[in-house]
Amino acid sequence: MDTDTQVKQQVREFYDQVGWKTESDGFYQNASYEDLRPVSHEYIHKCHLRVLRHLKPAGRFMLDAGSGPIQYPEYLEYSRGYQRRVCADISFLALQEARKRIGDHGLFVVCDVANLPFEVNTFDGEVSLHTIHHLPPQEHIHAYQELHRTLAAGSWAVIVNAWEKPPLIVFLDIWIDVLANLRKLFQPRSGQISTIKPSSSAVEKRFGRGTYVHKQNAAWLDREVGSLMPLQIFCWRSVNVRFLRAFIHPRLAGKALLRLVYWFEERFPRFLGKYGQYPLIVLAKE
């Protein structure tokens, strides 16, 4: 088995065995990578809805490439005006869960997003959320090409991924580490309660804390993909979960601080799209 095949097999097994398994709180295990606290809800909700700004509001088919189980309520809005949402994912379990949410509105295809089994110009809109960075790095360009190939003329595809070491996050990580060290310094050494669950199951031992991820940066995208097709980079979300959990708290005006973060993202979407954590990449088919 070659390396690329091994990577995809590992990703599939992770999501079938771990990522798309529901826990006692009703959320998927994969939701542990998101901040689901009430203090962050408004901000996360508004960031999810940014995708709608760059999609056609209606059409025949919308592709959800790497759909997962369509795990957040806001995801349902993307295809509301389309006749069918085509969910494509490497995980059979993910598609089973997606079917529970959208039923007859969906068509469900087990496939590789870097080798889509669809004709040219099929889809009036496309989304791909947190998917391409799970592919082997040599297939990233081909995945963008496949999304562009299957997109109908005059339509747009929206891709959300994470950058590798974006400058804003590198800067914020310095202050998060300072805060963490201060907490250790002033926190009592006895009677502490750990908030980290021990990794004891066979699945956790096999996969560790997550699955395969290879991130790129904005310079790579402009150079390697922007030379092949029209694209624009906006901000989906400038800060990551580590920042949210370190600095956003109900008793410390957390909601107000996130409203300020969101205001800056709206004011400087292209700058924070390139230098923040999560870009919203729009591909156009002329």
C-alpha atoms as a PDB file:
ATOM      1  CA  MET A   1       0.000   0.000   0.000  1.00  0.00           C
ATOM      2  CA  ASP A   2       1.541   3.347  -1.040  1.00  0.00           C
ATOM      3  CA  THR A   3       1.848   6.309   1.350  1.00  0.00           C
ATOM      4  CA  ASP A   4      -1.072   8.291  -0.120  1.00  0.00           C
ATOM      5  CA  THR A   5      -3.394   5.308   0.205  1.00  0.00           C
ATOM      6  CA  GLN A   6      -2.248   4.760   3.794  1.00  0.00           C
ATOM      7  CA  VAL A   7      -3.000   8.397   4.663  1.00  0.00           C
ATOM      8  CA  LYS A   8      -6.535   8.185   3.255  1.00  0.00           C
ATOM      9  CA  GLN A   9      -7.145   4.858   4.978  1.00  0.00           C
ATOM     10  CA  GLN A  10      -6.040   6.351   8.282  1.00  0.00           C
ATOM     11  CA  VAL A  11      -8.323   9.370   7.818  1.00  0.00           C
ATOM     12  CA  ARG A  12     -11.277   7.127   6.960  1.00  0.00           C
ATOM     13  CA  GLU A  13     -10.668   4.886   9.967  1.00  0.00           C
ATOM     14  CA  PHE A  14     -10.324   7.865  12.300  1.00  0.00           C
ATOM     15  CA  TYR A  15     -13.670   9.349  11.310  1.00  0.00           C
ATOM     16  CA  ASP A  16     -15.473   6.005  11.198  1.00  0.00           C
ATOM     17  CA  GLN A  17     -14.115   4.881  14.569  1.00  0.00           C
ATOM     18  CA  VAL A  18     -13.684   8.185  16.435  1.00  0.00           C
ATOM     19  CA  GLY A  19     -14.561  11.459  14.755  1.00  0.00           C
ATOM     20  CA  TRP A  20     -18.209  10.788  13.855  1.00  0.00           C
ATOM     21  CA  LYS A  21     -19.118   8.809  16.958  1.00  0.00           C
ATOM     22  CA  THR A  22     -21.566  10.644  19.225  1.00  0.00           C
ATOM     23  CA  GLU A  23     -20.747  11.107  22.892  1.00  0.00           C
ATOM     24  CA  SER A  24     -23.005  11.364  25.946  1.00  0.00           C
ATOM     25  CA  ASP A  25     -23.609  15.105  25.399  1.00  0.00           C
ATOM     26  CA  GLY A  26     -25.036  14.431  21.921  1.00  0.00           C
ATOM     27  CA  PHE A  27     -22.081  15.967  20.070  1.00  0.00           C
ATOM     28  CA  TYR A  28     -19.645  14.157  17.811  1.00  0.00           C
ATOM     29  CA  GLN A  29     -16.219  13.390  19.226  1.00  0.00           C
ATOM     30  CA  ASN A  30     -14.806  15.604  16.469  1.00  0.00           C
ATOM     31  CA  ALA A  31     -16.575  18.576  18.111  1.00  0.00           C
ATOM     32  CA  SER A  32     -13.814  18.537  20.745  1.00  0.00           C
ATOM     33  CA  TYR A  33     -11.791  20.522  18.197  1.00  0.00           C
ATOM     34  CA  GLU A  34     -14.357  23.348  18.345  1.00  0.00           C
ATOM     35  CA  ASP A  35     -15.356  25.751  21.123  1.00  0.00           C
ATOM     36  CA  LEU A  36     -18.999  24.927  21.857  1.00  0.00           C
ATOM     37  CA  ARG A  37     -19.335  27.008  25.034  1.00  0.00           C
ATOM     38  CA  PRO A  38     -22.272  29.459  25.179  1.00  0.00           C
ATOM     39  CA  VAL A  39     -19.901  32.416  25.465  1.00  0.00           C
ATOM     40  CA  SER A  40     -18.513  31.648  21.983  1.00  0.00           C
ATOM     41  CA  HIS A  41     -21.771  30.584  20.331  1.00  0.00           C
ATOM     42  CA  GLU A  42     -22.729  33.910  18.726  1.00  0.00           C
ATOM     43  CA  TYR A  43     -19.274  34.381  17.199  1.00  0.00           C
ATOM     44  CA  ILE A  44     -19.017  30.803  15.887  1.00  0.00           C
ATOM     45  CA  HIS A  45     -22.552  31.031  14.463  1.00  0.00           C
ATOM     46  CA  LYS A  46     -21.823  34.233  12.518  1.00  0.00           C
ATOM     47  CA  CYS A  47     -18.568  32.804  11.161  1.00  0.00           C
ATOM     48  CA  HIS A  48     -20.380  29.724   9.836  1.00  0.00           C
ATOM     49  CA  LEU A  49     -22.880  31.945   8.014  1.00  0.00           C
ATOM     50  CA  ARG A  50     -20.124  33.796   6.133  1.00  0.00           C
ATOM     51  CA  VAL A  51     -20.103  30.923   3.633  1.00  0.00           C
ATOM     52  CA  LEU A  52     -23.550  31.978   2.381  1.00  0.00           C
ATOM     53  CA  ARG A  53     -22.224  35.312   1.104  1.00  0.00           C
ATOM     54  CA  HIS A  54     -20.206  33.583  -1.607  1.00  0.00           C
ATOM     55  CA  LEU A  55     -22.641  30.901  -2.796  1.00  0.00           C
ATOM     56  CA  LYS A  56     -25.450  31.204  -5.283  1.00  0.00           C
ATOM     57  CA  PRO A  57     -28.637  31.231  -3.208  1.00  0.00           C
ATOM     58  CA  ALA A  58     -30.334  28.621  -5.388  1.00  0.00           C
ATOM     59  CA  GLY A  59     -29.633  26.029  -8.047  1.00  0.00           C
ATOM     60  CA  ARG A  60     -30.073  22.394  -9.000  1.00  0.00           C
ATOM     61  CA  PHE A  61     -27.139  20.625  -7.318  1.00  0.00           C
ATOM     62  CA  MET A  62     -24.830  21.801  -4.542  1.00  0.00           C
ATOM     63  CA  LEU A  63     -21.738  19.722  -3.795  1.00  0.00           C
ATOM     64  CA  ASP A  64     -20.588  19.288  -0.208  1.00  0.00           C
ATOM     65  CA  ALA A  65     -17.087  17.864  -0.694  1.00  0.00           C
ATOM     66  CA  GLY A  66     -16.014  16.160   2.505  1.00  0.00           C
ATOM     67  CA  SER A  67     -19.460  16.713   3.978  1.00  0.00           C
ATOM     68  CA  GLY A  68     -19.008  14.758   7.180  1.00  0.00           C
ATOM     69  CA  PRO A  69     -22.354  14.347   8.963  1.00  0.00           C
ATOM     70  CA  ILE A  70     -23.338  18.006   8.336  1.00  0.00           C
ATOM     71  CA  GLN A  71     -22.698  18.434  12.018  1.00  0.00           C
ATOM     72  CA  TYR A  72     -23.665  22.078  12.682  1.00  0.00           C
ATOM     73  CA  PRO A  73     -27.136  23.603  12.143  1.00  0.00           C
ATOM     74  CA  GLU A  74     -25.694  26.452  10.075  1.00  0.00           C
ATOM     75  CA  TYR A  75     -24.403  23.946   7.505  1.00  0.00           C
ATOM     76  CA  LEU A  76     -27.986  23.120   6.573  1.00  0.00           C
ATOM     77  CA  GLU A  77     -28.500  26.678   5.331  1.00  0.00           C
ATOM     78  CA  TYR A  78     -25.960  26.349   2.523  1.00  0.00           C
ATOM     79  CA  SER A  79     -28.164  24.086   0.388  1.00  0.00           C
ATOM     80  CA  ARG A  80     -31.605  25.342   1.411  1.00  0.00           C
ATOM     81  CA  GLY A  81     -32.242  26.930  -2.018  1.00  0.00           C
ATOM     82  CA  TYR A  82     -30.918  23.960  -4.017  1.00  0.00           C
ATOM     83  CA  GLN A  83     -32.916  21.013  -5.291  1.00  0.00           C
ATOM     84  CA  ARG A  84     -30.349  18.498  -4.022  1.00  0.00           C
ATOM     85  CA  ARG A  85     -27.268  18.551  -1.815  1.00  0.00           C
ATOM     86  CA  VAL A  86     -24.683  16.024  -2.993  1.00  0.00           C
ATOM     87  CA  CYS A  87     -22.695  14.843   0.010  1.00  0.00           C
ATOM     88  CA  ALA A  88     -19.331  13.347  -0.929  1.00  0.00           C
ATOM     89  CA  ASP A  89     -17.138  11.842   1.776  1.00  0.00           C
ATOM     90  CA  ILE A  90     -14.578   9.108   2.258  1.00  0.00           C
ATOM     91  CA  SER A  91     -16.366   7.991   5.444  1.00  0.00           C
ATOM     92  CA  PHE A  92     -19.455   5.799   5.029  1.00  0.00           C
ATOM     93  CA  LEU A  93     -20.478   6.542   8.627  1.00  0.00           C
ATOM     94  CA  ALA A  94     -20.374  10.284   7.911  1.00  0.00           C
ATOM     95  CA  LEU A  95     -22.789   9.853   5.013  1.00  0.00           C
ATOM     96  CA  GLN A  96     -25.131   7.728   7.120  1.00  0.00           C
ATOM     97  CA  GLU A  97     -25.245  10.531   9.688  1.00  0.00           C
ATOM     98  CA  ALA A  98     -25.740  13.169   6.977  1.00  0.00           C
ATOM     99  CA  ARG A  99     -28.704  11.209   5.609  1.00  0.00           C
ATOM    100  CA  LYS A 100     -30.354  11.413   9.039  1.00  0.00           C
ATOM    101  CA  ARG A 101     -30.227  15.204   8.791  1.00  0.00           C
ATOM    102  CA  ILE A 102     -31.280  15.921   5.231  1.00  0.00           C
ATOM    103  CA  GLY A 103     -33.014  12.759   4.046  1.00  0.00           C
ATOM    104  CA  ASP A 104     -34.397  13.003   0.505  1.00  0.00           C
ATOM    105  CA  HIS A 105     -32.837  16.430   0.023  1.00  0.00           C
ATOM    106  CA  GLY A 106     -29.471  14.676  -0.213  1.00  0.00           C
ATOM    107  CA  LEU A 107     -27.581  12.391  -2.557  1.00  0.00           C
ATOM    108  CA  PHE A 108     -24.726  10.496  -0.891  1.00  0.00           C
ATOM    109  CA  VAL A 109     -21.509   9.371  -2.571  1.00  0.00           C
ATOM    110  CA  VAL A 110     -18.517   7.617  -1.000  1.00  0.00           C
ATOM    111  CA  CYS A 111     -15.521   9.060  -2.836  1.00  0.00           C
ATOM    112  CA  ASP A 112     -12.210  10.868  -2.643  1.00  0.00           C
ATOM    113  CA  VAL A 113     -12.480  14.660  -2.966  1.00  0.00           C
ATOM    114  CA  ALA A 114      -9.254  14.686  -4.986  1.00  0.00           C
ATOM    115  CA  ASN A 115     -10.871  12.359  -7.561  1.00  0.00           C
ATOM    116  CA  LEU A 116     -14.508  13.381  -7.823  1.00  0.00           C
ATOM    117  CA  PRO A 117     -16.706  11.022  -9.899  1.00  0.00           C
ATOM    118  CA  PHE A 118     -18.782  13.818 -11.449  1.00  0.00           C
ATOM    119  CA  GLU A 119     -19.028  15.387 -14.888  1.00  0.00           C
ATOM    120  CA  VAL A 120     -17.626  18.801 -15.793  1.00  0.00           C
ATOM    121  CA  ASN A 121     -19.887  21.773 -14.905  1.00  0.00           C
ATOM    122  CA  THR A 122     -22.219  19.714 -12.699  1.00  0.00           C
ATOM    123  CA  PHE A 123     -22.715  21.900  -9.625  1.00  0.00           C
ATOM    124  CA  ASP A 124     -24.252  25.355  -9.230  1.00  0.00           C
ATOM    125  CA  GLY A 125     -22.502  25.746  -5.884  1.00  0.00           C
ATOM    126  CA  GLU A 126     -19.865  23.912  -3.862  1.00  0.00           C
ATOM    127  CA  VAL A 127     -18.565  23.907  -0.313  1.00  0.00           C
ATOM    128  CA  SER A 128     -15.626  22.034   1.163  1.00  0.00           C
ATOM    129  CA  LEU A 129     -15.118  22.613   4.875  1.00  0.00           C
ATOM    130  CA  HIS A 130     -11.976  21.513   6.745  1.00  0.00           C
ATOM    131  CA  THR A 131     -11.320  18.705   4.266  1.00  0.00           C
ATOM    132  CA  ILE A 132      -8.452  19.388   1.857  1.00  0.00           C
ATOM    133  CA  HIS A 133      -5.856  19.559   4.640  1.00  0.00           C
ATOM    134  CA  HIS A 134      -6.616  15.881   5.412  1.00  0.00           C
ATOM    135  CA  LEU A 135      -5.286  14.877   1.982  1.00  0.00           C
ATOM    136  CA  PRO A 136      -1.661  13.989   1.226  1.00  0.00           C
ATOM    137  CA  PRO A 137       0.082  17.303   0.338  1.00  0.00           C
ATOM    138  CA  GLN A 138       0.803  16.283  -3.253  1.00  0.00           C
ATOM    139  CA  GLU A 139      -2.968  15.971  -3.847  1.00  0.00           C
ATOM    140  CA  HIS A 140      -3.994  19.412  -2.565  1.00  0.00           C
ATOM    141  CA  ILE A 141      -3.675  21.131  -5.947  1.00  0.00           C
ATOM    142  CA  HIS A 142      -5.613  18.348  -7.662  1.00  0.00           C
ATOM    143  CA  ALA A 143      -8.426  18.683  -5.102  1.00  0.00           C
ATOM    144  CA  TYR A 144      -8.805  22.385  -5.981  1.00  0.00           C
ATOM    145  CA  GLN A 145      -8.739  21.476  -9.663  1.00  0.00           C
ATOM    146  CA  GLU A 146     -11.458  18.860  -9.160  1.00  0.00           C
ATOM    147  CA  LEU A 147     -13.697  21.376  -7.385  1.00  0.00           C
ATOM    148  CA  HIS A 148     -13.122  23.876 -10.195  1.00  0.00           C
ATOM    149  CA  ARG A 149     -13.687  21.244 -12.910  1.00  0.00           C
ATOM    150  CA  THR A 150     -17.055  20.128 -11.553  1.00  0.00           C
ATOM    151  CA  LEU A 151     -18.294  23.673 -10.871  1.00  0.00           C
ATOM    152  CA  ALA A 152     -20.787  25.128 -13.357  1.00  0.00           C
ATOM    153  CA  ALA A 153     -19.795  28.202 -15.356  1.00  0.00           C
ATOM    154  CA  GLY A 154     -20.664  31.428 -13.560  1.00  0.00           C
ATOM    155  CA  SER A 155     -20.726  29.722 -10.158  1.00  0.00           C
ATOM    156  CA  TRP A 156     -18.585  29.723  -7.010  1.00  0.00           C
ATOM    157  CA  ALA A 157     -17.038  27.192  -4.676  1.00  0.00           C
ATOM    158  CA  VAL A 158     -16.237  28.011  -1.046  1.00  0.00           C
ATOM    159  CA  ILE A 159     -13.372  26.205   0.704  1.00  0.00           C
ATOM    160  CA  VAL A 160     -12.534  26.592   4.387  1.00  0.00           C
ATOM    161  CA  ASN A 161      -9.262  25.232   5.704  1.00  0.00           C
ATOM    162  CA  ALA A 162      -6.623  26.210   8.251  1.00  0.00           C
ATOM    163  CA  TRP A 163      -3.257  27.821   7.521  1.00  0.00           C
ATOM    164  CA  GLU A 164       0.045  26.464   8.782  1.00  0.00           C
ATOM    165  CA  LYS A 165       1.480  28.848  11.428  1.00  0.00           C
ATOM    166  CA  PRO A 166      -0.334  32.033  10.323  1.00  0.00           C
ATOM    167  CA  PRO A 167       1.377  35.199  11.635  1.00  0.00           C
ATOM    168  CA  LEU A 168      -1.547  36.322  13.806  1.00  0.00           C
ATOM    169  CA  ILE A 169      -1.710  32.973  15.589  1.00  0.00           C
ATOM    170  CA  VAL A 170       2.066  32.805  16.050  1.00  0.00           C
ATOM    171  CA  PHE A 171       1.829  36.214  17.771  1.00  0.00           C
ATOM    172  CA  LEU A 172      -1.157  35.234  19.919  1.00  0.00           C
ATOM    173  CA  ASP A 173       0.452  31.941  20.934  1.00  0.00           C
ATOM    174  CA  ILE A 174       3.217  33.909  22.670  1.00  0.00           C
ATOM    175  CA  TRP A 175       0.645  35.562  24.954  1.00  0.00           C
ATOM    176  CA  ILE A 176      -1.272  32.341  25.484  1.00  0.00           C
ATOM    177  CA  ASP A 177       1.947  30.717  26.698  1.00  0.00           C
ATOM    178  CA  VAL A 178       2.600  33.685  28.995  1.00  0.00           C
ATOM    179  CA  LEU A 179      -0.902  33.349  30.428  1.00  0.00           C
ATOM    180  CA  ALA A 180      -0.480  29.610  30.901  1.00  0.00           C
ATOM    181  CA  ASN A 181       2.793  30.116  32.773  1.00  0.00           C
ATOM    182  CA  LEU A 182       1.208  32.749  35.026  1.00  0.00           C
ATOM    183  CA  ARG A 183      -1.614  30.353  35.866  1.00  0.00           C
ATOM    184  CA  LYS A 184       0.888  27.663  36.791  1.00  0.00           C
ATOM    185  CA  LEU A 185       2.778  30.128  38.956  1.00  0.00           C
ATOM    186  CA  PHE A 186      -0.244  31.269  40.960  1.00  0.00           C
ATOM    187  CA  GLN A 187      -2.369  28.128  40.861  1.00  0.00           C
ATOM    188  CA  PRO A 188      -2.340  25.989  44.026  1.00  0.00           C
ATOM    189  CA  ARG A 189      -0.378  22.785  43.525  1.00  0.00           C
ATOM    190  CA  SER A 190      -2.742  20.621  45.558  1.00  0.00           C
ATOM    191  CA  GLY A 191      -6.396  19.870  45.012  1.00  0.00           C
ATOM    192  CA  GLN A 192      -6.278  20.598  41.283  1.00  0.00           C
ATOM    193  CA  ILE A 193      -8.882  18.945  39.090  1.00  0.00           C
ATOM    194  CA  SER A 194      -7.712  17.834  35.658  1.00  0.00           C
ATOM    195  CA  THR A 195      -9.957  18.799  32.758  1.00  0.00           C
ATOM    196  CA  ILE A 196      -8.116  16.538  30.312  1.00  0.00           C
ATOM    197  CA  LYS A 197      -9.604  13.116  29.704  1.00  0.00           C
ATOM    198  CA  PRO A 198      -7.056  10.304  29.828  1.00  0.00           C
ATOM    199  CA  SER A 199      -6.335   8.608  26.521  1.00  0.00           C
ATOM    200  CA  SER A 200      -7.051   5.030  27.402  1.00  0.00           C
ATOM    201  CA  SER A 201      -9.157   3.429  24.682  1.00  0.00           C
ATOM    202  CA  ALA A 202      -7.656   1.308  21.940  1.00  0.00           C
ATOM    203  CA  VAL A 203      -8.877   3.796  19.336  1.00  0.00           C
ATOM    204  CA  GLU A 204      -7.238   6.736  21.104  1.00  0.00           C
ATOM    205  CA  LYS A 205      -4.005   4.788  21.424  1.00  0.00           C
ATOM    206  CA  ARG A 206      -4.089   4.081  17.685  1.00  0.00           C
ATOM    207  CA  PHE A 207      -4.868   7.612  16.489  1.00  0.00           C
ATOM    208  CA  GLY A 208      -3.479   9.755  19.300  1.00  0.00           C
ATOM    209  CA  ARG A 209      -5.222  13.140  19.584  1.00  0.00           C
ATOM    210  CA  GLY A 210      -6.370  13.359  15.998  1.00  0.00           C
ATOM    211  CA  THR A 211      -5.895  12.310  12.414  1.00  0.00           C
ATOM    212  CA  TYR A 212      -3.580  13.228   9.567  1.00  0.00           C
ATOM    213  CA  VAL A 213      -3.440  16.945   8.727  1.00  0.00           C
ATOM    214  CA  HIS A 214      -1.122  18.823   6.377  1.00  0.00           C
ATOM    215  CA  LYS A 215      -1.730  22.577   6.180  1.00  0.00           C
ATOM    216  CA  GLN A 216      -0.457  25.066   3.602  1.00  0.00           C
ATOM    217  CA  ASN A 217      -0.132  28.860   3.744  1.00  0.00           C
ATOM    218  CA  ALA A 218      -1.501  31.795   1.778  1.00  0.00           C
ATOM    219  CA  ALA A 219       1.663  32.217  -0.286  1.00  0.00           C
ATOM    220  CA  TRP A 220       1.428  28.589  -1.408  1.00  0.00           C
ATOM    221  CA  LEU A 221      -2.231  28.977  -2.377  1.00  0.00           C
ATOM    222  CA  ASP A 222      -1.624  32.140  -4.392  1.00  0.00           C
ATOM    223  CA  ARG A 223       1.350  30.605  -6.170  1.00  0.00           C
ATOM    224  CA  GLU A 224       0.198  27.039  -6.807  1.00  0.00           C
ATOM    225  CA  VAL A 225      -3.585  27.370  -7.149  1.00  0.00           C
ATOM    226  CA  GLY A 226      -4.069  31.041  -7.994  1.00  0.00           C
ATOM    227  CA  SER A 227      -1.993  30.531 -11.136  1.00  0.00           C
ATOM    228  CA  LEU A 228      -4.485  27.884 -12.334  1.00  0.00           C
ATOM    229  CA  MET A 229      -7.883  29.439 -11.568  1.00  0.00           C
ATOM    230  CA  PRO A 230      -9.459  32.662 -10.259  1.00  0.00           C
ATOM    231  CA  LEU A 231      -9.629  32.732  -6.473  1.00  0.00           C
ATOM    232  CA  GLN A 232     -10.090  35.169  -3.630  1.00  0.00           C
ATOM    233  CA  ILE A 233      -9.171  34.812   0.041  1.00  0.00           C
ATOM    234  CA  PHE A 234     -11.430  36.198   2.769  1.00  0.00           C
ATOM    235  CA  CYS A 235     -11.602  35.632   6.515  1.00  0.00           C
ATOM    236  CA  TRP A 236     -13.750  32.783   7.788  1.00  0.00           C
ATOM    237  CA  ARG A 237     -12.345  33.039  11.309  1.00  0.00           C
ATOM    238  CA  SER A 238      -9.157  34.739  12.417  1.00  0.00           C
ATOM    239  CA  VAL A 239      -8.623  33.013  15.784  1.00  0.00           C
ATOM    240  CA  ASN A 240      -8.406  29.368  16.770  1.00  0.00           C
ATOM    241  CA  VAL A 241      -9.878  27.315  19.591  1.00  0.00           C
ATOM    242  CA  ARG A 242      -6.735  27.655  21.690  1.00  0.00           C
ATOM    243  CA  PHE A 243      -7.187  31.446  21.718  1.00  0.00           C
ATOM    244  CA  LEU A 244     -10.894  31.156  22.532  1.00  0.00           C
ATOM    245  CA  ARG A 245     -10.350  28.837  25.476  1.00  0.00           C
ATOM    246  CA  ALA A 246      -7.488  30.936  26.841  1.00  0.00           C
ATOM    247  CA  PHE A 247      -9.000  34.425  26.607  1.00  0.00           C
ATOM    248  CA  ILE A 248     -12.768  34.183  26.135  1.00  0.00           C
ATOM    249  CA  HIS A 249     -14.690  33.734  29.385  1.00  0.00           C
ATOM    250  CA  PRO A 250     -18.176  34.851  30.481  1.00  0.00           C
ATOM    251  CA  ARG A 251     -16.912  36.744  33.529  1.00  0.00           C
ATOM    252  CA  LEU A 252     -14.261  38.599  31.533  1.00  0.00           C
ATOM    253  CA  ALA A 253     -16.535  40.181  28.900  1.00  0.00           C
ATOM    254  CA  GLY A 254     -15.941  37.263  26.536  1.00  0.00           C
ATOM    255  CA  LYS A 255     -18.915  37.975  24.276  1.00  0.00           C
ATOM    256  CA  ALA A 256     -17.962  41.642  23.951  1.00  0.00           C
ATOM    257  CA  LEU A 257     -14.389  40.726  23.062  1.00  0.00           C
ATOM    258  CA  LEU A 258     -15.571  38.318  20.362  1.00  0.00           C
ATOM    259  CA  ARG A 259     -17.874  40.967  18.919  1.00  0.00           C
ATOM    260  CA  LEU A 260     -14.786  43.166  18.613  1.00  0.00           C
ATOM    261  CA  VAL A 261     -12.859  40.333  16.925  1.00  0.00           C
ATOM    262  CA  TYR A 262     -15.739  39.842  14.503  1.00  0.00           C
ATOM    263  CA  TRP A 263     -15.844  43.594  13.765  1.00  0.00           C
ATOM    264  CA  PHE A 264     -12.157  43.556  12.827  1.00  0.00           C
ATOM    265  CA  GLU A 265     -12.707  40.502  10.613  1.00  0.00           C
ATOM    266  CA  GLU A 266     -15.521  42.307   8.801  1.00  0.00           C
ATOM    267  CA  ARG A 267     -13.415  45.447   8.452  1.00  0.00           C
ATOM    268  CA  PHE A 268     -10.283  43.678   7.198  1.00  0.00           C
ATOM    269  CA  PRO A 269     -11.494  40.391   5.632  1.00  0.00           C
ATOM    270  CA  ARG A 270      -8.682  39.996   3.107  1.00  0.00           C
ATOM    271  CA  PHE A 271      -5.854  40.813   5.524  1.00  0.00           C
ATOM    272  CA  LEU A 272      -7.153  38.506   8.258  1.00  0.00           C
ATOM    273  CA  GLY A 273      -8.033  35.909   5.643  1.00  0.00           C
ATOM    274  CA  LYS A 274      -4.353  35.632   4.756  1.00  0.00           C
ATOM    275  CA  TYR A 275      -2.800  36.145   8.181  1.00  0.00           C
ATOM    276  CA  GLY A 276      -5.428  34.700  10.551  1.00  0.00           C
ATOM    277  CA  GLN A 277      -6.116  31.027  11.236  1.00  0.00           C
ATOM    278  CA  TYR A 278      -8.985  30.057   8.914  1.00  0.00           C
ATOM    279  CA  PRO A 279      -9.320  31.421   5.372  1.00  0.00           C
ATOM    280  CA  LEU A 280     -12.507  31.388   3.326  1.00  0.00           C
ATOM    281  CA  ILE A 281     -11.322  30.661  -0.205  1.00  0.00           C
ATOM    282  CA  VAL A 282     -13.656  31.414  -3.104  1.00  0.00           C
ATOM    283  CA  LEU A 283     -13.078  29.736  -6.479  1.00  0.00           C
ATOM    284  CA  ALA A 284     -14.824  31.251  -9.481  1.00  0.00           C
ATOM    285  CA  LYS A 285     -15.739  29.463 -12.720  1.00  0.00           C
ATOM    286  CA  GLU A 286     -15.913  32.110 -15.415  1.00  0.00           C
END
